[in-house]
PDB file of N, CA and C in Angstrom:
ATOM      1  N   LEU A   1     -22.873  11.370  24.921  1.00  0.00           N
ATOM      2  CA  LEU A   1     -23.800  12.350  24.392  1.00  0.00           C
ATOM      3  C   LEU A   1     -23.091  13.679  24.200  1.00  0.00           C
ATOM      4  N   HIS A   2     -23.409  14.336  23.122  1.00  0.00           N
ATOM      5  CA  HIS A   2     -22.790  15.627  22.832  1.00  0.00           C
ATOM      6  C   HIS A   2     -23.428  16.702  23.713  1.00  0.00           C
ATOM      7  N   PRO A   3     -22.625  17.586  24.317  1.00  0.00           N
ATOM      8  CA  PRO A   3     -23.183  18.617  25.201  1.00  0.00           C
ATOM      9  C   PRO A   3     -24.154  19.577  24.504  1.00  0.00           C
ATOM     10  N   GLU A   4     -24.039  19.715  23.199  1.00  0.00           N
ATOM     11  CA  GLU A   4     -24.955  20.585  22.450  1.00  0.00           C
ATOM     12  C   GLU A   4     -25.845  19.775  21.515  1.00  0.00           C
ATOM     13  N   GLY A   5     -26.119  18.538  21.907  1.00  0.00           N
ATOM     14  CA  GLY A   5     -26.909  17.645  21.059  1.00  0.00           C
ATOM     15  C   GLY A   5     -28.310  18.145  20.764  1.00  0.00           C
ATOM     16  N   ARG A   6     -28.923  18.762  21.730  1.00  0.00           N
ATOM     17  CA  ARG A   6     -30.286  19.267  21.501  1.00  0.00           C
ATOM     18  C   ARG A   6     -30.282  20.375  20.458  1.00  0.00           C
ATOM     19  N   GLU A   7     -29.334  21.285  20.588  1.00  0.00           N
ATOM     20  CA  GLU A   7     -29.219  22.366  19.607  1.00  0.00           C
ATOM     21  C   GLU A   7     -28.897  21.798  18.227  1.00  0.00           C
ATOM     22  N   MET A   8     -27.978  20.857  18.181  1.00  0.00           N
ATOM     23  CA  MET A   8     -27.597  20.247  16.907  1.00  0.00           C
ATOM     24  C   MET A   8     -28.793  19.549  16.260  1.00  0.00           C
ATOM     25  N   GLY A   9     -29.588  18.870  17.061  1.00  0.00           N
ATOM     26  CA  GLY A   9     -30.767  18.196  16.530  1.00  0.00           C
ATOM     27  C   GLY A   9     -31.760  19.171  15.928  1.00  0.00           C
ATOM     28  N   LEU A  10     -32.020  20.265  16.643  1.00  0.00           N
ATOM     29  CA  LEU A  10     -32.944  21.275  16.119  1.00  0.00           C
ATOM     30  C   LEU A  10     -32.419  21.886  14.828  1.00  0.00           C
ATOM     31  N   LEU A  11     -31.130  22.180  14.795  1.00  0.00           N
ATOM     32  CA  LEU A  11     -30.545  22.776  13.592  1.00  0.00           C
ATOM     33  C   LEU A  11     -30.538  21.807  12.414  1.00  0.00           C
ATOM     34  N   ALA A  12     -30.595  20.503  12.708  1.00  0.00           N
ATOM     35  CA  ALA A  12     -30.617  19.489  11.652  1.00  0.00           C
ATOM     36  C   ALA A  12     -32.041  19.159  11.200  1.00  0.00           C
ATOM     37  N   GLY A  13     -33.046  19.771  11.851  1.00  0.00           N
ATOM     38  CA  GLY A  13     -34.417  19.576  11.407  1.00  0.00           C
ATOM     39  C   GLY A  13     -35.374  18.986  12.425  1.00  0.00           C
ATOM     40  N   ALA A  14     -34.883  18.600  13.586  1.00  0.00           N
ATOM     41  CA  ALA A  14     -35.800  18.098  14.617  1.00  0.00           C
ATOM     42  C   ALA A  14     -36.766  19.206  15.013  1.00  0.00           C
ATOM     43  N   ASN A  15     -37.967  18.829  15.410  1.00  0.00           N
ATOM     44  CA  ASN A  15     -38.930  19.850  15.819  1.00  0.00           C
ATOM     45  C   ASN A  15     -39.591  19.525  17.155  1.00  0.00           C
ATOM     46  N   VAL A  16     -39.020  18.590  17.907  1.00  0.00           N
ATOM     47  CA  VAL A  16     -39.573  18.210  19.205  1.00  0.00           C
ATOM     48  C   VAL A  16     -38.446  18.043  20.217  1.00  0.00           C
ATOM     49  N   LEU A  17     -38.602  18.652  21.381  1.00  0.00           N
ATOM     50  CA  LEU A  17     -37.732  18.414  22.537  1.00  0.00           C
ATOM     51  C   LEU A  17     -38.640  17.968  23.669  1.00  0.00           C
ATOM     52  N   MET A  18     -38.150  17.049  24.470  1.00  0.00           N
ATOM     53  CA  MET A  18     -38.963  16.547  25.579  1.00  0.00           C
ATOM     54  C   MET A  18     -38.342  16.959  26.903  1.00  0.00           C
ATOM     55  N   PRO A  19     -38.881  17.997  27.547  1.00  0.00           N
ATOM     56  CA  PRO A  19     -38.344  18.397  28.848  1.00  0.00           C
ATOM     57  C   PRO A  19     -38.643  17.326  29.891  1.00  0.00           C
ATOM     58  N   ASN A  20     -37.740  17.190  30.836  1.00  0.00           N
ATOM     59  CA  ASN A  20     -37.921  16.217  31.904  1.00  0.00           C
ATOM     60  C   ASN A  20     -38.593  16.917  33.074  1.00  0.00           C
ATOM     61  N   ILE A  21     -39.874  16.651  33.277  1.00  0.00           N
ATOM     62  CA  ILE A  21     -40.604  17.305  34.362  1.00  0.00           C
ATOM     63  C   ILE A  21     -40.963  16.334  35.483  1.00  0.00           C
ATOM     64  N   THR A  22     -40.425  15.126  35.429  1.00  0.00           N
ATOM     65  CA  THR A  22     -40.622  14.164  36.509  1.00  0.00           C
ATOM     66  C   THR A  22     -39.991  14.720  37.778  1.00  0.00           C
ATOM     67  N   ASP A  23     -40.645  14.544  38.911  1.00  0.00           N
ATOM     68  CA  ASP A  23     -40.099  14.996  40.193  1.00  0.00           C
ATOM     69  C   ASP A  23     -38.675  14.462  40.350  1.00  0.00           C
ATOM     70  N   THR A  24     -37.768  15.316  40.809  1.00  0.00           N
ATOM     71  CA  THR A  24     -36.347  14.942  40.883  1.00  0.00           C
ATOM     72  C   THR A  24     -36.100  13.698  41.718  1.00  0.00           C
ATOM     73  N   LYS A  25     -36.922  13.434  42.715  1.00  0.00           N
ATOM     74  CA  LYS A  25     -36.675  12.253  43.545  1.00  0.00           C
ATOM     75  C   LYS A  25     -36.990  10.951  42.808  1.00  0.00           C
ATOM     76  N   TYR A  26     -37.680  11.011  41.674  1.00  0.00           N
ATOM     77  CA  TYR A  26     -38.017   9.815  40.899  1.00  0.00           C
ATOM     78  C   TYR A  26     -37.241   9.689  39.591  1.00  0.00           C
ATOM     79  N   ARG A  27     -36.517  10.699  39.201  1.00  0.00           N
ATOM     80  CA  ARG A  27     -35.876  10.712  37.882  1.00  0.00           C
ATOM     81  C   ARG A  27     -34.910   9.573  37.633  1.00  0.00           C
ATOM     82  N   GLU A  28     -34.143   9.203  38.633  1.00  0.00           N
ATOM     83  CA  GLU A  28     -33.167   8.122  38.447  1.00  0.00           C
ATOM     84  C   GLU A  28     -33.850   6.860  37.916  1.00  0.00           C
ATOM     85  N   GLY A  29     -35.087   6.612  38.332  1.00  0.00           N
ATOM     86  CA  GLY A  29     -35.802   5.414  37.919  1.00  0.00           C
ATOM     87  C   GLY A  29     -36.448   5.509  36.549  1.00  0.00           C
ATOM     88  N   TYR A  30     -36.417   6.686  35.933  1.00  0.00           N
ATOM     89  CA  TYR A  30     -37.071   6.886  34.645  1.00  0.00           C
ATOM     90  C   TYR A  30     -36.097   7.302  33.544  1.00  0.00           C
ATOM     91  N   GLN A  31     -34.840   6.978  33.700  1.00  0.00           N
ATOM     92  CA  GLN A  31     -33.868   7.322  32.669  1.00  0.00           C
ATOM     93  C   GLN A  31     -34.086   6.434  31.448  1.00  0.00           C
ATOM     94  N   LEU A  32     -34.251   7.048  30.295  1.00  0.00           N
ATOM     95  CA  LEU A  32     -34.405   6.285  29.062  1.00  0.00           C
ATOM     96  C   LEU A  32     -33.059   5.825  28.523  1.00  0.00           C
ATOM     97  N   TYR A  33     -31.991   6.513  28.908  1.00  0.00           N
ATOM     98  CA  TYR A  33     -30.644   6.146  28.471  1.00  0.00           C
ATOM     99  C   TYR A  33     -29.644   6.699  29.475  1.00  0.00           C
ATOM    100  N   GLU A  34     -28.470   6.085  29.521  1.00  0.00           N
ATOM    101  CA  GLU A  34     -27.422   6.548  30.432  1.00  0.00           C
ATOM    102  C   GLU A  34     -26.887   7.898  29.978  1.00  0.00           C
ATOM    103  N   GLY A  35     -26.536   8.726  30.940  1.00  0.00           N
ATOM    104  CA  GLY A  35     -25.954  10.025  30.622  1.00  0.00           C
ATOM    105  C   GLY A  35     -26.982  11.099  30.311  1.00  0.00           C
ATOM    106  N   LYS A  36     -28.243  10.827  30.580  1.00  0.00           N
ATOM    107  CA  LYS A  36     -29.280  11.829  30.314  1.00  0.00           C
ATOM    108  C   LYS A  36     -28.974  13.088  31.129  1.00  0.00           C
ATOM    109  N   PRO A  37     -28.993  14.259  30.492  1.00  0.00           N
ATOM    110  CA  PRO A  37     -28.664  15.497  31.205  1.00  0.00           C
ATOM    111  C   PRO A  37     -29.799  15.971  32.104  1.00  0.00           C
ATOM    112  N   CYS A  38     -29.462  16.857  32.994  1.00  0.00           N
ATOM    113  CA  CYS A  38     -30.426  17.618  33.801  1.00  0.00           C
ATOM    114  C   CYS A  38     -31.167  16.800  34.853  1.00  0.00           C
ATOM    115  N   LEU A  39     -30.589  15.710  35.319  1.00  0.00           N
ATOM    116  CA  LEU A  39     -31.273  14.894  36.325  1.00  0.00           C
ATOM    117  C   LEU A  39     -31.451  15.628  37.643  1.00  0.00           C
ATOM    118  N   ASP A  40     -30.631  16.635  37.890  1.00  0.00           N
ATOM    119  CA  ASP A  40     -30.692  17.349  39.167  1.00  0.00           C
ATOM    120  C   ASP A  40     -31.536  18.621  39.110  1.00  0.00           C
ATOM    121  N   GLU A  41     -32.129  18.925  37.962  1.00  0.00           N
ATOM    122  CA  GLU A  41     -32.935  20.138  37.820  1.00  0.00           C
ATOM    123  C   GLU A  41     -34.406  19.850  38.076  1.00  0.00           C
ATOM    124  N   ASN A  42     -35.107  20.806  38.702  1.00  0.00           N
ATOM    125  CA  ASN A  42     -36.552  20.647  38.838  1.00  0.00           C
ATOM    126  C   ASN A  42     -37.211  21.056  37.515  1.00  0.00           C
ATOM    127  N   ALA A  43     -38.518  20.886  37.413  1.00  0.00           N
ATOM    128  CA  ALA A  43     -39.225  21.142  36.157  1.00  0.00           C
ATOM    129  C   ALA A  43     -39.041  22.577  35.670  1.00  0.00           C
ATOM    130  N   ASP A  44     -39.149  23.556  36.563  1.00  0.00           N
ATOM    131  CA  ASP A  44     -38.981  24.957  36.166  1.00  0.00           C
ATOM    132  C   ASP A  44     -37.580  25.224  35.644  1.00  0.00           C
ATOM    133  N   GLN A  45     -36.575  24.660  36.302  1.00  0.00           N
ATOM    134  CA  GLN A  45     -35.195  24.836  35.859  1.00  0.00           C
ATOM    135  C   GLN A  45     -34.982  24.197  34.494  1.00  0.00           C
ATOM    136  N   CYS A  46     -35.555  23.021  34.283  1.00  0.00           N
ATOM    137  CA  CYS A  46     -35.408  22.321  33.009  1.00  0.00           C
ATOM    138  C   CYS A  46     -36.016  23.131  31.867  1.00  0.00           C
ATOM    139  N   ILE A  47     -37.209  23.622  32.067  1.00  0.00           N
ATOM    140  CA  ILE A  47     -37.881  24.392  31.024  1.00  0.00           C
ATOM    141  C   ILE A  47     -37.144  25.696  30.756  1.00  0.00           C
ATOM    142  N   SER A  48     -36.658  26.343  31.807  1.00  0.00           N
ATOM    143  CA  SER A  48     -35.892  27.578  31.647  1.00  0.00           C
ATOM    144  C   SER A  48     -34.608  27.319  30.865  1.00  0.00           C
ATOM    145  N   CYS A  49     -33.926  26.241  31.197  1.00  0.00           N
ATOM    146  CA  CYS A  49     -32.683  25.881  30.506  1.00  0.00           C
ATOM    147  C   CYS A  49     -32.959  25.590  29.026  1.00  0.00           C
ATOM    148  N   LEU A  50     -33.993  24.801  28.747  1.00  0.00           N
ATOM    149  CA  LEU A  50     -34.329  24.501  27.352  1.00  0.00           C
ATOM    150  C   LEU A  50     -34.674  25.768  26.584  1.00  0.00           C
ATOM    151  N   SER A  51     -35.401  26.676  27.207  1.00  0.00           N
ATOM    152  CA  SER A  51     -35.747  27.942  26.550  1.00  0.00           C
ATOM    153  C   SER A  51     -34.496  28.720  26.171  1.00  0.00           C
ATOM    154  N   ARG A  52     -33.553  28.822  27.102  1.00  0.00           N
ATOM    155  CA  ARG A  52     -32.303  29.547  26.822  1.00  0.00           C
ATOM    156  C   ARG A  52     -31.522  28.866  25.702  1.00  0.00           C
ATOM    157  N   ARG A  53     -31.468  27.547  25.736  1.00  0.00           N
ATOM    158  CA  ARG A  53     -30.719  26.820  24.712  1.00  0.00           C
ATOM    159  C   ARG A  53     -31.341  27.003  23.333  1.00  0.00           C
ATOM    160  N   ILE A  54     -32.658  26.978  23.266  1.00  0.00           N
ATOM    161  CA  ILE A  54     -33.349  27.169  21.993  1.00  0.00           C
ATOM    162  C   ILE A  54     -33.130  28.591  21.488  1.00  0.00           C
ATOM    163  N   GLU A  55     -33.229  29.564  22.378  1.00  0.00           N
ATOM    164  CA  GLU A  55     -32.996  30.959  21.992  1.00  0.00           C
ATOM    165  C   GLU A  55     -31.557  31.182  21.544  1.00  0.00           C
ATOM    166  N   SER A  56     -30.611  30.418  22.087  1.00  0.00           N
ATOM    167  CA  SER A  56     -29.196  30.590  21.729  1.00  0.00           C
ATOM    168  C   SER A  56     -28.913  30.249  20.270  1.00  0.00           C
ATOM    169  N   ILE A  57     -29.815  29.498  19.637  1.00  0.00           N
ATOM    170  CA  ILE A  57     -29.631  29.170  18.218  1.00  0.00           C
ATOM    171  C   ILE A  57     -30.606  29.950  17.336  1.00  0.00           C
ATOM    172  N   GLY A  58     -31.205  30.993  17.927  1.00  0.00           N
ATOM    173  CA  GLY A  58     -32.071  31.871  17.152  1.00  0.00           C
ATOM    174  C   GLY A  58     -33.488  31.371  16.966  1.00  0.00           C
ATOM    175  N   GLU A  59     -33.903  30.420  17.774  1.00  0.00           N
ATOM    176  CA  GLU A  59     -35.263  29.891  17.682  1.00  0.00           C
ATOM    177  C   GLU A  59     -36.051  30.281  18.925  1.00  0.00           C
ATOM    178  N   SER A  60     -37.339  30.000  18.934  1.00  0.00           N
ATOM    179  CA  SER A  60     -38.173  30.312  20.096  1.00  0.00           C
ATOM    180  C   SER A  60     -39.176  29.193  20.316  1.00  0.00           C
ATOM    181  N   ILE A  61     -39.729  29.196  21.519  1.00  0.00           N
ATOM    182  CA  ILE A  61     -40.753  28.196  21.857  1.00  0.00           C
ATOM    183  C   ILE A  61     -42.110  28.774  21.534  1.00  0.00           C
TER     184      ILE A  61
END
């Protein structure tokens, strides 16, 4: 997975990101694919990170 894949997707026309808000103790069991980022972040950290990443490309939530 590309480290800036989410940003690249948005810049290519995607309009949906799915934050991972599952409790961290259960996340390992809900991986949709290998290498999914942010498995160690809690919901607040995930949303904060996504907000910063979206703002870094000049967009907003």
